[in-house]
Amino acid sequence: LNEIKGLFKGYGYSIRYGILNAADYGVPQNRRRAIIIGKYLATPPELPLPCKQKVTIWDAISDLAYLESGEGEFEQEYRNSPKSDYEKKMRKGSWIPPNAVKEVLPKEHITKSVYSGTWSRMKQNDVAVTITTRFDTPSSGKFTHPFLNRAITVREAARLQSFPDTFKFIGSKMSQMKQVGNAVPPLLARKIARVIMHDIKRDNNE
């Protein structure tokens, strides 16, 4: 951080920085990222204020088709009505019992892993862990559907990242997982963009 501050200062920029959690900005996922906003020869805008209400996993994916492993098509009709404002927004334009963790598995099925939450189900009334590029693998993290016997799908992961359903991911499944897992959640990016745009408009009016 000190290196970045010094580099930008040498070019005449002031910066504002902080650690933002996507869960504080309407994204149903704990995803902490360092955000830095710089402004040339002026004071940069404040970072966006967090939202008061959290969005849970179930707020995000409960309306999607209840597919078992191997079922489903790339595009298909909704089977359920949206149950939350978040789902409406996104639509616009057992291995392990529910709420249980891997400790309920037989000892021979518990593998060693460097990832936290492996082989554990997502808790439907909680926010998701950080969505990585390997969310199709239960041994890579807490990516097992709240009650179906499978990992979450690309579309479910995209919902948890706050991608609208109109956004299409192309290429192989591995490519699509990278596109979802490596992205900045759109709702968080929008909040940051808004404070920058507000700052630009204020400067233009002065």
Protein backbone atom coordinates (compact mmCIF):
# COMPACT_ATOMS: atom_id res chain seq x y z
CA LEU A 1 0.00 0.00 0.00
CA ASN A 2 2.79 2.41 0.83
CA GLU A 3 4.40 1.69 -2.52
CA ILE A 4 1.12 2.42 -4.33
CA LYS A 5 0.61 5.63 -2.33
CA GLY A 6 4.10 6.81 -3.14
CA LEU A 7 3.78 5.96 -6.81
CA PHE A 8 0.49 7.80 -7.25
CA LYS A 9 1.69 10.78 -5.22
CA GLY A 10 4.64 11.08 -7.59
CA TYR A 11 2.19 11.50 -10.46
CA GLY A 12 0.11 14.09 -8.63
CA TYR A 13 -2.73 11.82 -7.47
CA SER A 14 -4.35 11.67 -4.06
CA ILE A 15 -5.93 8.36 -3.16
CA ARG A 16 -8.60 7.03 -0.86
CA TYR A 17 -8.55 3.35 0.04
CA GLY A 18 -10.17 0.70 2.18
CA ILE A 19 -11.23 -2.93 2.43
CA LEU A 20 -14.81 -3.34 1.18
CA ASN A 21 -16.88 -6.47 1.72
CA ALA A 22 -19.30 -7.16 -1.13
CA ALA A 23 -21.82 -8.44 1.45
CA ASP A 24 -22.17 -4.84 2.67
CA TYR A 25 -23.26 -3.66 -0.78
CA GLY A 26 -26.18 -5.93 -1.66
CA VAL A 27 -24.12 -8.94 -2.80
CA PRO A 28 -24.99 -12.26 -1.08
CA GLN A 29 -21.35 -13.15 -0.55
CA ASN A 30 -18.51 -12.45 1.87
CA ARG A 31 -15.90 -11.10 -0.51
CA ARG A 32 -13.38 -8.62 0.86
CA ARG A 33 -11.32 -6.61 -1.59
CA ALA A 34 -8.92 -3.68 -1.36
CA ILE A 35 -10.41 -0.71 -3.24
CA ILE A 36 -8.34 2.33 -4.19
CA ILE A 37 -9.78 5.48 -5.79
CA GLY A 38 -7.38 8.16 -7.02
CA LYS A 39 -7.90 11.71 -8.22
CA TYR A 40 -5.44 13.97 -10.00
CA LEU A 41 -4.50 17.18 -8.11
CA ALA A 42 -7.63 16.96 -5.93
CA THR A 43 -9.25 15.10 -3.07
CA PRO A 44 -10.81 11.81 -4.24
CA PRO A 45 -14.41 10.88 -3.37
CA GLU A 46 -15.33 8.90 -0.28
CA LEU A 47 -15.74 5.16 -0.64
CA PRO A 48 -19.40 4.06 -0.96
CA LEU A 49 -21.40 3.65 2.24
CA PRO A 50 -22.55 0.10 3.07
CA CYS A 51 -26.17 -1.00 2.75
CA LYS A 52 -28.19 -1.72 5.89
CA GLN A 53 -29.80 -4.94 4.72
CA LYS A 54 -27.98 -8.18 3.89
CA VAL A 55 -28.97 -10.44 1.00
CA THR A 56 -28.77 -14.16 1.80
CA ILE A 57 -27.97 -17.14 -0.43
CA TRP A 58 -31.64 -18.11 -0.52
CA ASP A 59 -32.65 -14.55 -1.40
CA ALA A 60 -30.44 -14.98 -4.44
CA ILE A 61 -31.08 -18.49 -5.79
CA SER A 62 -34.33 -19.90 -4.37
CA ASP A 63 -36.25 -19.22 -7.60
CA LEU A 64 -33.81 -21.09 -9.86
CA ALA A 65 -34.69 -24.59 -11.08
CA TYR A 66 -33.97 -27.30 -8.52
CA LEU A 67 -31.61 -29.34 -10.65
CA GLU A 68 -29.77 -32.43 -9.54
CA SER A 69 -26.24 -33.11 -10.76
CA GLY A 70 -26.12 -33.54 -14.55
CA GLU A 71 -29.53 -31.99 -15.18
CA GLY A 72 -30.38 -28.75 -16.92
CA GLU A 73 -29.59 -26.86 -20.09
CA PHE A 74 -27.57 -23.71 -20.80
CA GLU A 75 -30.85 -21.78 -21.17
CA GLN A 76 -34.17 -22.88 -19.71
CA GLU A 77 -37.45 -21.51 -18.41
CA TYR A 78 -37.87 -20.43 -14.80
CA ARG A 79 -39.77 -23.01 -12.77
CA ASN A 80 -40.56 -20.78 -9.80
CA SER A 81 -41.67 -17.22 -9.16
CA PRO A 82 -39.14 -14.80 -7.68
CA LYS A 83 -39.33 -14.74 -3.89
CA SER A 84 -37.17 -11.72 -3.09
CA ASP A 85 -36.39 -8.26 -4.45
CA TYR A 86 -32.91 -9.50 -5.29
CA GLU A 87 -34.25 -12.32 -7.47
CA LYS A 88 -36.56 -9.87 -9.23
CA LYS A 89 -33.56 -7.63 -9.87
CA MET A 90 -31.49 -10.49 -11.25
CA ARG A 91 -34.32 -11.62 -13.55
CA LYS A 92 -34.95 -8.25 -14.95
CA GLY A 93 -34.27 -7.51 -18.86
CA SER A 94 -28.00 -35.53 0.41
CA TRP A 95 -24.44 -35.86 0.81
CA ILE A 96 -24.75 -33.65 3.81
CA PRO A 97 -27.99 -32.59 5.55
CA PRO A 98 -29.08 -28.95 5.26
CA ASN A 99 -27.04 -26.59 7.49
CA ALA A 100 -24.55 -29.37 8.30
CA VAL A 101 -20.81 -29.54 7.73
CA LYS A 102 -18.39 -32.23 6.62
CA GLU A 103 -18.05 -33.68 10.13
CA VAL A 104 -21.28 -35.65 9.55
CA LEU A 105 -19.57 -37.61 6.77
CA PRO A 106 -17.96 -40.98 7.43
CA LYS A 107 -14.29 -40.54 8.34
CA GLU A 108 -13.14 -42.31 5.17
CA HIS A 109 -14.89 -39.65 3.05
CA ILE A 110 -13.35 -36.63 4.77
CA THR A 111 -10.37 -35.52 2.71
CA LYS A 112 -7.60 -33.20 3.76
CA SER A 113 -7.87 -29.79 2.14
CA VAL A 114 -6.31 -26.36 2.52
CA TYR A 115 -9.70 -24.75 1.87
CA SER A 116 -12.03 -23.82 4.72
CA GLY A 117 -15.59 -25.13 4.67
CA THR A 118 -14.84 -28.04 2.35
CA TRP A 119 -17.62 -30.57 1.89
CA SER A 120 -19.99 -28.27 3.78
CA ARG A 121 -23.37 -27.11 2.59
CA MET A 122 -24.16 -23.47 2.08
CA LYS A 123 -26.55 -22.20 4.73
CA GLN A 124 -29.51 -20.77 2.89
CA ASN A 125 -30.10 -17.92 5.38
CA ASP A 126 -26.47 -16.81 5.41
CA VAL A 127 -24.27 -15.07 2.85
CA ALA A 128 -21.96 -17.16 0.69
CA VAL A 129 -18.25 -17.55 1.15
CA THR A 130 -16.07 -15.94 -1.51
CA ILE A 131 -16.92 -17.46 -4.88
CA THR A 132 -13.70 -18.78 -6.39
CA THR A 133 -13.00 -20.21 -9.83
CA ARG A 134 -13.50 -23.78 -8.49
CA PHE A 135 -17.01 -23.44 -7.10
CA ASP A 136 -17.99 -26.69 -8.90
CA THR A 137 -15.84 -28.69 -6.50
CA PRO A 138 -17.12 -29.30 -2.94
CA SER A 139 -13.56 -30.05 -1.82
CA SER A 140 -12.52 -26.51 -2.82
CA GLY A 141 -14.77 -24.72 -0.36
CA LYS A 142 -18.29 -24.29 0.96
CA PHE A 143 -19.93 -24.60 -2.47
CA THR A 144 -22.46 -27.42 -1.96
CA HIS A 145 -26.08 -26.41 -2.65
CA PRO A 146 -28.13 -25.81 0.53
CA PHE A 147 -30.07 -29.06 0.06
CA LEU A 148 -29.44 -30.61 -3.37
CA ASN A 149 -26.66 -33.18 -3.72
CA ARG A 150 -24.35 -31.16 -5.91
CA ALA A 151 -22.14 -28.09 -6.07
CA ILE A 152 -23.70 -24.82 -7.20
CA THR A 153 -24.11 -24.19 -10.92
CA VAL A 154 -22.54 -21.39 -12.96
CA ARG A 155 -25.84 -19.49 -12.91
CA GLU A 156 -26.23 -19.89 -9.15
CA ALA A 157 -22.65 -18.70 -8.64
CA ALA A 158 -23.34 -15.78 -10.97
CA ARG A 159 -26.37 -14.85 -8.87
CA LEU A 160 -24.19 -14.93 -5.75
CA GLN A 161 -21.76 -12.63 -7.55
CA SER A 162 -24.73 -10.32 -8.45
CA PHE A 163 -24.60 -10.89 -12.22
CA PRO A 164 -28.07 -10.38 -13.76
CA ASP A 165 -29.60 -13.32 -15.60
CA THR A 166 -29.26 -11.44 -18.89
CA PHE A 167 -25.47 -11.79 -18.65
CA LYS A 168 -24.24 -14.78 -20.65
CA PHE A 169 -20.95 -16.53 -19.98
CA ILE A 170 -19.30 -18.15 -22.99
CA GLY A 171 -16.72 -20.86 -23.57
CA SER A 172 -16.14 -24.09 -21.66
CA LYS A 173 -17.49 -24.59 -18.16
CA MET A 174 -13.99 -23.99 -16.79
CA SER A 175 -13.82 -20.70 -18.70
CA GLN A 176 -17.24 -19.67 -17.42
CA MET A 177 -16.24 -20.46 -13.83
CA LYS A 178 -13.17 -18.26 -14.22
CA GLN A 179 -15.29 -15.43 -15.62
CA VAL A 180 -17.62 -15.65 -12.62
CA GLY A 181 -15.07 -16.37 -9.88
CA ASN A 182 -12.50 -13.74 -10.89
CA ALA A 183 -15.01 -10.92 -11.38
CA VAL A 184 -15.67 -7.91 -9.19
CA PRO A 185 -19.34 -8.29 -8.17
CA PRO A 186 -21.32 -5.95 -10.46
CA LEU A 187 -23.39 -4.47 -7.61
CA LEU A 188 -20.21 -3.54 -5.72
CA ALA A 189 -18.63 -2.13 -8.89
CA ARG A 190 -21.81 -0.09 -9.46
CA LYS A 191 -21.63 1.44 -5.98
CA ILE A 192 -18.01 2.46 -6.54
CA ALA A 193 -18.80 3.84 -9.99
CA ARG A 194 -21.63 5.93 -8.55
CA VAL A 195 -19.42 7.73 -6.02
CA ILE A 196 -16.95 8.49 -8.80
CA MET A 197 -19.69 9.76 -11.14
CA HIS A 198 -21.19 11.88 -8.34
CA ASP A 199 -17.76 13.41 -7.74
CA ILE A 200 -17.34 14.18 -11.46
CA LYS A 201 -20.77 15.83 -11.64
CA ARG A 202 -20.00 17.93 -8.57
CA ASP A 203 -16.74 19.14 -10.13
CA ASN A 204 -18.53 20.04 -13.38
CA ASN A 205 -21.10 22.09 -11.47
CA GLU A 206 -18.52 24.09 -9.55
